[in-house]
């Protein structure tokens, strides 16, 4: 049975470090942008909101159903966002990668692609997952394209699936990657990361 333990995932551009309460001020500095929360179920409009966000993530970690990370720029150590493994099902060897946000200056950079590669590799090659799920709002076309670009297979839309903190009702698109697909997805991600960036 797989066990989720806090771990540092290191890449050339990004370093994913275990989330702690000490990260709250830096996360709020990076996440103080209403555009980041447009399609999310959680709303972060103050440092107190971010504190509650981190507390909730760490509670889920304590319960064994999540492993939250703070996304940092590898070269500087600067906090630029967050992501996590969630909805962990150890019996079925399944995790979800999500709750991902990256501050605007680092969007459209190698950061997110490399972070997803590190997390997928950890899920399939270290944890022994047979399935990784990703999901997003049906309205979030940018996120849907990004998930498909890294090799996520769209599996369907769950209508009226979730209600956000501000009362919006969300249709949710599910994507999946299974262990049989990981070698091809891995090769795809490695090729993407090798592409020169302008």
C-alpha atoms as a PDB file:
ATOM      1  CA  UNK A   1       0.000   0.000   0.000  1.00  0.00           C
ATOM      2  CA  UNK A   2       1.349   3.431  -0.951  1.00  0.00           C
ATOM      3  CA  UNK A   3       2.343   5.916   1.741  1.00  0.00           C
ATOM      4  CA  UNK A   4       2.405   9.654   1.225  1.00  0.00           C
ATOM      5  CA  UNK A   5       5.251  11.266   3.140  1.00  0.00           C
ATOM      6  CA  UNK A   6       6.377  14.903   2.869  1.00  0.00           C
ATOM      7  CA  UNK A   7       9.111  15.102   0.267  1.00  0.00           C
ATOM      8  CA  UNK A   8      11.005  17.739  -1.734  1.00  0.00           C
ATOM      9  CA  UNK A   9      10.626  17.377  -5.517  1.00  0.00           C
ATOM     10  CA  UNK A  10      13.524  19.154  -7.227  1.00  0.00           C
ATOM     11  CA  UNK A  11      13.786  20.166 -10.867  1.00  0.00           C
ATOM     12  CA  UNK A  12      15.925  22.535 -12.907  1.00  0.00           C
ATOM     13  CA  UNK A  13      13.355  25.362 -12.748  1.00  0.00           C
ATOM     14  CA  UNK A  14      11.071  24.484  -9.863  1.00  0.00           C
ATOM     15  CA  UNK A  15      11.375  23.072  -6.381  1.00  0.00           C
ATOM     16  CA  UNK A  16       8.263  21.716  -4.672  1.00  0.00           C
ATOM     17  CA  UNK A  17       8.641  21.806  -0.893  1.00  0.00           C
ATOM     18  CA  UNK A  18       6.307  20.507   1.827  1.00  0.00           C
ATOM     19  CA  UNK A  19       3.800  23.182   2.842  1.00  0.00           C
ATOM     20  CA  UNK A  20       3.937  24.573   6.395  1.00  0.00           C
ATOM     21  CA  UNK A  21       2.150  27.367   8.236  1.00  0.00           C
ATOM     22  CA  UNK A  22       5.345  29.430   7.955  1.00  0.00           C
ATOM     23  CA  UNK A  23       4.682  29.746   4.209  1.00  0.00           C
ATOM     24  CA  UNK A  24       1.443  31.740   4.670  1.00  0.00           C
ATOM     25  CA  UNK A  25       2.869  35.284   4.223  1.00  0.00           C
ATOM     26  CA  UNK A  26       4.890  34.323   1.140  1.00  0.00           C
ATOM     27  CA  UNK A  27       1.932  32.415  -0.338  1.00  0.00           C
ATOM     28  CA  UNK A  28      -0.300  35.436   0.177  1.00  0.00           C
ATOM     29  CA  UNK A  29       2.293  37.698  -1.455  1.00  0.00           C
ATOM     30  CA  UNK A  30       2.351  35.384  -4.491  1.00  0.00           C
ATOM     31  CA  UNK A  31      -1.393  34.711  -4.483  1.00  0.00           C
ATOM     32  CA  UNK A  32      -2.722  38.243  -3.970  1.00  0.00           C
ATOM     33  CA  UNK A  33      -4.274  38.315  -7.440  1.00  0.00           C
ATOM     34  CA  UNK A  34      -8.045  37.897  -7.978  1.00  0.00           C
ATOM     35  CA  UNK A  35      -7.462  36.344 -11.423  1.00  0.00           C
ATOM     36  CA  UNK A  36      -5.851  33.297  -9.782  1.00  0.00           C
ATOM     37  CA  UNK A  37      -9.100  32.442  -7.968  1.00  0.00           C
ATOM     38  CA  UNK A  38     -11.574  33.064 -10.811  1.00  0.00           C
ATOM     39  CA  UNK A  39     -12.385  29.380 -11.366  1.00  0.00           C
ATOM     40  CA  UNK A  40     -11.403  27.866  -8.015  1.00  0.00           C
ATOM     41  CA  UNK A  41     -13.728  26.539  -5.333  1.00  0.00           C
ATOM     42  CA  UNK A  42     -11.660  28.251  -2.639  1.00  0.00           C
ATOM     43  CA  UNK A  43     -11.470  32.030  -2.585  1.00  0.00           C
ATOM     44  CA  UNK A  44      -8.371  33.804  -1.267  1.00  0.00           C
ATOM     45  CA  UNK A  45      -8.891  37.531  -0.790  1.00  0.00           C
ATOM     46  CA  UNK A  46      -6.734  38.163   2.275  1.00  0.00           C
ATOM     47  CA  UNK A  47      -3.836  36.734   4.232  1.00  0.00           C
ATOM     48  CA  UNK A  48      -6.404  35.294   6.673  1.00  0.00           C
ATOM     49  CA  UNK A  49      -8.035  33.444   3.753  1.00  0.00           C
ATOM     50  CA  UNK A  50      -4.634  32.078   2.768  1.00  0.00           C
ATOM     51  CA  UNK A  51      -4.013  30.984   6.366  1.00  0.00           C
ATOM     52  CA  UNK A  52      -7.310  29.042   6.332  1.00  0.00           C
ATOM     53  CA  UNK A  53      -6.359  27.553   2.948  1.00  0.00           C
ATOM     54  CA  UNK A  54      -3.043  26.284   4.337  1.00  0.00           C
ATOM     55  CA  UNK A  55      -4.643  25.051   7.570  1.00  0.00           C
ATOM     56  CA  UNK A  56      -7.216  23.071   5.575  1.00  0.00           C
ATOM     57  CA  UNK A  57      -4.508  21.544   3.359  1.00  0.00           C
ATOM     58  CA  UNK A  58      -2.436  20.523   6.381  1.00  0.00           C
ATOM     59  CA  UNK A  59      -5.511  18.994   8.086  1.00  0.00           C
ATOM     60  CA  UNK A  60      -6.073  16.824   5.009  1.00  0.00           C
ATOM     61  CA  UNK A  61      -2.391  15.878   5.057  1.00  0.00           C
ATOM     62  CA  UNK A  62      -2.731  14.816   8.696  1.00  0.00           C
ATOM     63  CA  UNK A  63      -5.737  12.675   7.695  1.00  0.00           C
ATOM     64  CA  UNK A  64      -3.634  11.004   4.990  1.00  0.00           C
ATOM     65  CA  UNK A  65      -5.686  12.253   2.034  1.00  0.00           C
ATOM     66  CA  UNK A  66      -3.424  15.058   0.774  1.00  0.00           C
ATOM     67  CA  UNK A  67       0.188  16.092   0.384  1.00  0.00           C
ATOM     68  CA  UNK A  68       0.421  19.867  -0.212  1.00  0.00           C
ATOM     69  CA  UNK A  69       3.453  21.581  -1.709  1.00  0.00           C
ATOM     70  CA  UNK A  70       4.650  25.146  -1.968  1.00  0.00           C
ATOM     71  CA  UNK A  71       5.944  25.891  -5.457  1.00  0.00           C
ATOM     72  CA  UNK A  72       9.242  27.741  -5.404  1.00  0.00           C
ATOM     73  CA  UNK A  73      11.540  29.044  -8.115  1.00  0.00           C
ATOM     74  CA  UNK A  74      14.561  26.714  -8.036  1.00  0.00           C
ATOM     75  CA  UNK A  75      17.128  29.447  -8.751  1.00  0.00           C
ATOM     76  CA  UNK A  76      15.987  31.872  -6.028  1.00  0.00           C
ATOM     77  CA  UNK A  77      13.837  29.892  -3.575  1.00  0.00           C
ATOM     78  CA  UNK A  78      11.067  32.464  -4.036  1.00  0.00           C
ATOM     79  CA  UNK A  79       7.544  31.205  -3.303  1.00  0.00           C
ATOM     80  CA  UNK A  80       5.493  31.488  -6.503  1.00  0.00           C
ATOM     81  CA  UNK A  81       2.483  29.238  -5.938  1.00  0.00           C
ATOM     82  CA  UNK A  82       1.158  25.978  -4.613  1.00  0.00           C
ATOM     83  CA  UNK A  83       0.018  22.529  -5.719  1.00  0.00           C
ATOM     84  CA  UNK A  84      -0.816  19.218  -4.069  1.00  0.00           C
ATOM     85  CA  UNK A  85      -1.647  15.583  -4.219  1.00  0.00           C
ATOM     86  CA  UNK A  86      -5.219  15.240  -2.978  1.00  0.00           C
ATOM     87  CA  UNK A  87      -8.148  12.851  -2.794  1.00  0.00           C
ATOM     88  CA  UNK A  88      -5.631  10.129  -2.039  1.00  0.00           C
ATOM     89  CA  UNK A  89      -6.993   6.577  -2.217  1.00  0.00           C
ATOM     90  CA  UNK A  90      -4.216   4.277  -1.041  1.00  0.00           C
ATOM     91  CA  UNK A  91      -6.229   1.077  -1.576  1.00  0.00           C
ATOM     92  CA  UNK A  92      -6.980   1.930  -5.212  1.00  0.00           C
ATOM     93  CA  UNK A  93      -3.513   3.483  -5.685  1.00  0.00           C
ATOM     94  CA  UNK A  94      -4.990   6.707  -6.982  1.00  0.00           C
ATOM     95  CA  UNK A  95      -4.174  10.371  -6.356  1.00  0.00           C
ATOM     96  CA  UNK A  96      -5.331  13.654  -7.780  1.00  0.00           C
ATOM     97  CA  UNK A  97      -2.922  16.419  -8.762  1.00  0.00           C
ATOM     98  CA  UNK A  98      -4.569  19.774  -8.297  1.00  0.00           C
ATOM     99  CA  UNK A  99      -5.140  22.889  -6.226  1.00  0.00           C
ATOM    100  CA  UNK A 100      -2.462  24.319  -8.510  1.00  0.00           C
ATOM    101  CA  UNK A 101      -1.895  28.036  -8.893  1.00  0.00           C
ATOM    102  CA  UNK A 102       1.158  29.976 -10.010  1.00  0.00           C
ATOM    103  CA  UNK A 103       1.686  33.735  -9.753  1.00  0.00           C
ATOM    104  CA  UNK A 104       1.257  35.561 -13.056  1.00  0.00           C
ATOM    105  CA  UNK A 105       4.952  36.395 -13.722  1.00  0.00           C
ATOM    106  CA  UNK A 106       5.757  32.650 -13.795  1.00  0.00           C
ATOM    107  CA  UNK A 107       2.825  31.536 -15.918  1.00  0.00           C
ATOM    108  CA  UNK A 108       3.708  30.454 -19.480  1.00  0.00           C
ATOM    109  CA  UNK A 109       7.156  29.449 -18.228  1.00  0.00           C
ATOM    110  CA  UNK A 110       8.689  25.984 -17.773  1.00  0.00           C
ATOM    111  CA  UNK A 111       7.569  26.002 -14.108  1.00  0.00           C
ATOM    112  CA  UNK A 112       4.166  24.290 -14.390  1.00  0.00           C
ATOM    113  CA  UNK A 113       5.253  21.692 -16.953  1.00  0.00           C
ATOM    114  CA  UNK A 114       8.215  20.687 -14.814  1.00  0.00           C
ATOM    115  CA  UNK A 115       6.129  20.654 -11.621  1.00  0.00           C
ATOM    116  CA  UNK A 116       3.586  18.326 -13.239  1.00  0.00           C
ATOM    117  CA  UNK A 117       6.400  16.090 -14.500  1.00  0.00           C
ATOM    118  CA  UNK A 118       7.929  15.857 -11.011  1.00  0.00           C
ATOM    119  CA  UNK A 119       4.577  15.062  -9.427  1.00  0.00           C
ATOM    120  CA  UNK A 120       3.543  12.515 -12.057  1.00  0.00           C
ATOM    121  CA  UNK A 121       6.927  10.792 -11.841  1.00  0.00           C
ATOM    122  CA  UNK A 122       6.643  10.647  -8.046  1.00  0.00           C
ATOM    123  CA  UNK A 123       3.080   9.315  -8.258  1.00  0.00           C
ATOM    124  CA  UNK A 124       3.817   6.544 -10.765  1.00  0.00           C
ATOM    125  CA  UNK A 125       7.439   5.653 -10.006  1.00  0.00           C
ATOM    126  CA  UNK A 126       7.685   6.179  -6.234  1.00  0.00           C
ATOM    127  CA  UNK A 127       4.160   5.865  -4.860  1.00  0.00           C
ATOM    128  CA  UNK A 128       3.168   3.116  -7.302  1.00  0.00           C
ATOM    129  CA  UNK A 129      -0.047   4.768  -8.439  1.00  0.00           C
ATOM    130  CA  UNK A 130      -2.067   3.140 -11.177  1.00  0.00           C
ATOM    131  CA  UNK A 131      -4.104   6.307 -11.831  1.00  0.00           C
ATOM    132  CA  UNK A 132      -3.612  10.051 -11.476  1.00  0.00           C
ATOM    133  CA  UNK A 133      -6.580  12.379 -11.807  1.00  0.00           C
ATOM    134  CA  UNK A 134      -6.692  16.070 -12.686  1.00  0.00           C
ATOM    135  CA  UNK A 135      -9.818  18.202 -12.804  1.00  0.00           C
ATOM    136  CA  UNK A 136     -10.871  21.761 -13.485  1.00  0.00           C
ATOM    137  CA  UNK A 137     -13.891  23.953 -14.035  1.00  0.00           C
ATOM    138  CA  UNK A 138     -15.588  23.293 -17.368  1.00  0.00           C
ATOM    139  CA  UNK A 139     -15.366  27.054 -17.959  1.00  0.00           C
ATOM    140  CA  UNK A 140     -11.590  27.167 -17.462  1.00  0.00           C
ATOM    141  CA  UNK A 141     -10.448  26.664 -21.051  1.00  0.00           C
ATOM    142  CA  UNK A 142      -6.857  27.647 -20.236  1.00  0.00           C
ATOM    143  CA  UNK A 143      -6.571  24.916 -17.596  1.00  0.00           C
ATOM    144  CA  UNK A 144      -8.287  22.331 -19.816  1.00  0.00           C
ATOM    145  CA  UNK A 145      -5.801  23.013 -22.624  1.00  0.00           C
ATOM    146  CA  UNK A 146      -2.862  22.843 -20.214  1.00  0.00           C
ATOM    147  CA  UNK A 147      -3.942  19.462 -18.797  1.00  0.00           C
ATOM    148  CA  UNK A 148      -4.523  18.013 -22.272  1.00  0.00           C
ATOM    149  CA  UNK A 149      -1.140  19.407 -23.401  1.00  0.00           C
ATOM    150  CA  UNK A 150       0.731  17.400 -20.764  1.00  0.00           C
ATOM    151  CA  UNK A 151      -1.087  14.191 -21.702  1.00  0.00           C
ATOM    152  CA  UNK A 152      -4.207  14.144 -19.524  1.00  0.00           C
ATOM    153  CA  UNK A 153      -7.062  12.336 -21.213  1.00  0.00           C
ATOM    154  CA  UNK A 154     -10.441  14.067 -20.849  1.00  0.00           C
ATOM    155  CA  UNK A 155     -12.865  11.567 -19.348  1.00  0.00           C
ATOM    156  CA  UNK A 156     -16.053  13.540 -18.911  1.00  0.00           C
ATOM    157  CA  UNK A 157     -17.901  16.419 -17.307  1.00  0.00           C
ATOM    158  CA  UNK A 158     -19.684  16.072 -13.990  1.00  0.00           C
ATOM    159  CA  UNK A 159     -22.556  18.534 -14.109  1.00  0.00           C
ATOM    160  CA  UNK A 160     -23.310  20.676 -11.030  1.00  0.00           C
ATOM    161  CA  UNK A 161     -20.425  18.857  -9.369  1.00  0.00           C
ATOM    162  CA  UNK A 162     -19.305  21.409  -6.776  1.00  0.00           C
ATOM    163  CA  UNK A 163     -20.252  24.687  -5.113  1.00  0.00           C
ATOM    164  CA  UNK A 164     -17.547  27.294  -4.551  1.00  0.00           C
ATOM    165  CA  UNK A 165     -17.129  29.302  -1.358  1.00  0.00           C
ATOM    166  CA  UNK A 166     -18.811  32.266  -3.046  1.00  0.00           C
ATOM    167  CA  UNK A 167     -21.829  30.157  -4.071  1.00  0.00           C
ATOM    168  CA  UNK A 168     -21.069  29.481  -7.745  1.00  0.00           C
ATOM    169  CA  UNK A 169     -22.159  26.070  -9.002  1.00  0.00           C
ATOM    170  CA  UNK A 170     -19.434  24.379 -11.021  1.00  0.00           C
ATOM    171  CA  UNK A 171     -19.443  21.767 -13.732  1.00  0.00           C
ATOM    172  CA  UNK A 172     -16.160  19.862 -13.391  1.00  0.00           C
ATOM    173  CA  UNK A 173     -14.087  18.269 -16.168  1.00  0.00           C
ATOM    174  CA  UNK A 174     -12.182  15.141 -15.163  1.00  0.00           C
ATOM    175  CA  UNK A 175      -8.930  14.074 -16.798  1.00  0.00           C
ATOM    176  CA  UNK A 176      -6.914  10.964 -16.083  1.00  0.00           C
ATOM    177  CA  UNK A 177      -3.523   9.407 -16.727  1.00  0.00           C
ATOM    178  CA  UNK A 178      -3.101   5.706 -15.980  1.00  0.00           C
ATOM    179  CA  UNK A 179       0.087   3.770 -15.384  1.00  0.00           C
ATOM    180  CA  UNK A 180       0.038   2.168 -18.866  1.00  0.00           C
ATOM    181  CA  UNK A 181       0.120   5.677 -20.359  1.00  0.00           C
ATOM    182  CA  UNK A 182       2.873   7.032 -18.117  1.00  0.00           C
ATOM    183  CA  UNK A 183       5.854   6.023 -20.334  1.00  0.00           C
ATOM    184  CA  UNK A 184       4.410   7.957 -23.297  1.00  0.00           C
ATOM    185  CA  UNK A 185       3.354  10.904 -21.111  1.00  0.00           C
ATOM    186  CA  UNK A 186       6.823  10.930 -19.513  1.00  0.00           C
ATOM    187  CA  UNK A 187       8.517  11.017 -22.930  1.00  0.00           C
ATOM    188  CA  UNK A 188       6.151  13.790 -24.042  1.00  0.00           C
ATOM    189  CA  UNK A 189       6.933  15.899 -20.973  1.00  0.00           C
ATOM    190  CA  UNK A 190      10.672  15.360 -21.302  1.00  0.00           C
ATOM    191  CA  UNK A 191      10.489  16.488 -24.942  1.00  0.00           C
ATOM    192  CA  UNK A 192       8.442  19.552 -23.967  1.00  0.00           C
ATOM    193  CA  UNK A 193      10.935  20.481 -21.267  1.00  0.00           C
ATOM    194  CA  UNK A 194      13.822  20.130 -23.738  1.00  0.00           C
ATOM    195  CA  UNK A 195      12.255  22.643 -26.149  1.00  0.00           C
ATOM    196  CA  UNK A 196      14.042  26.016 -26.219  1.00  0.00           C
ATOM    197  CA  UNK A 197      11.986  28.790 -24.672  1.00  0.00           C
ATOM    198  CA  UNK A 198      11.818  32.229 -26.265  1.00  0.00           C
END
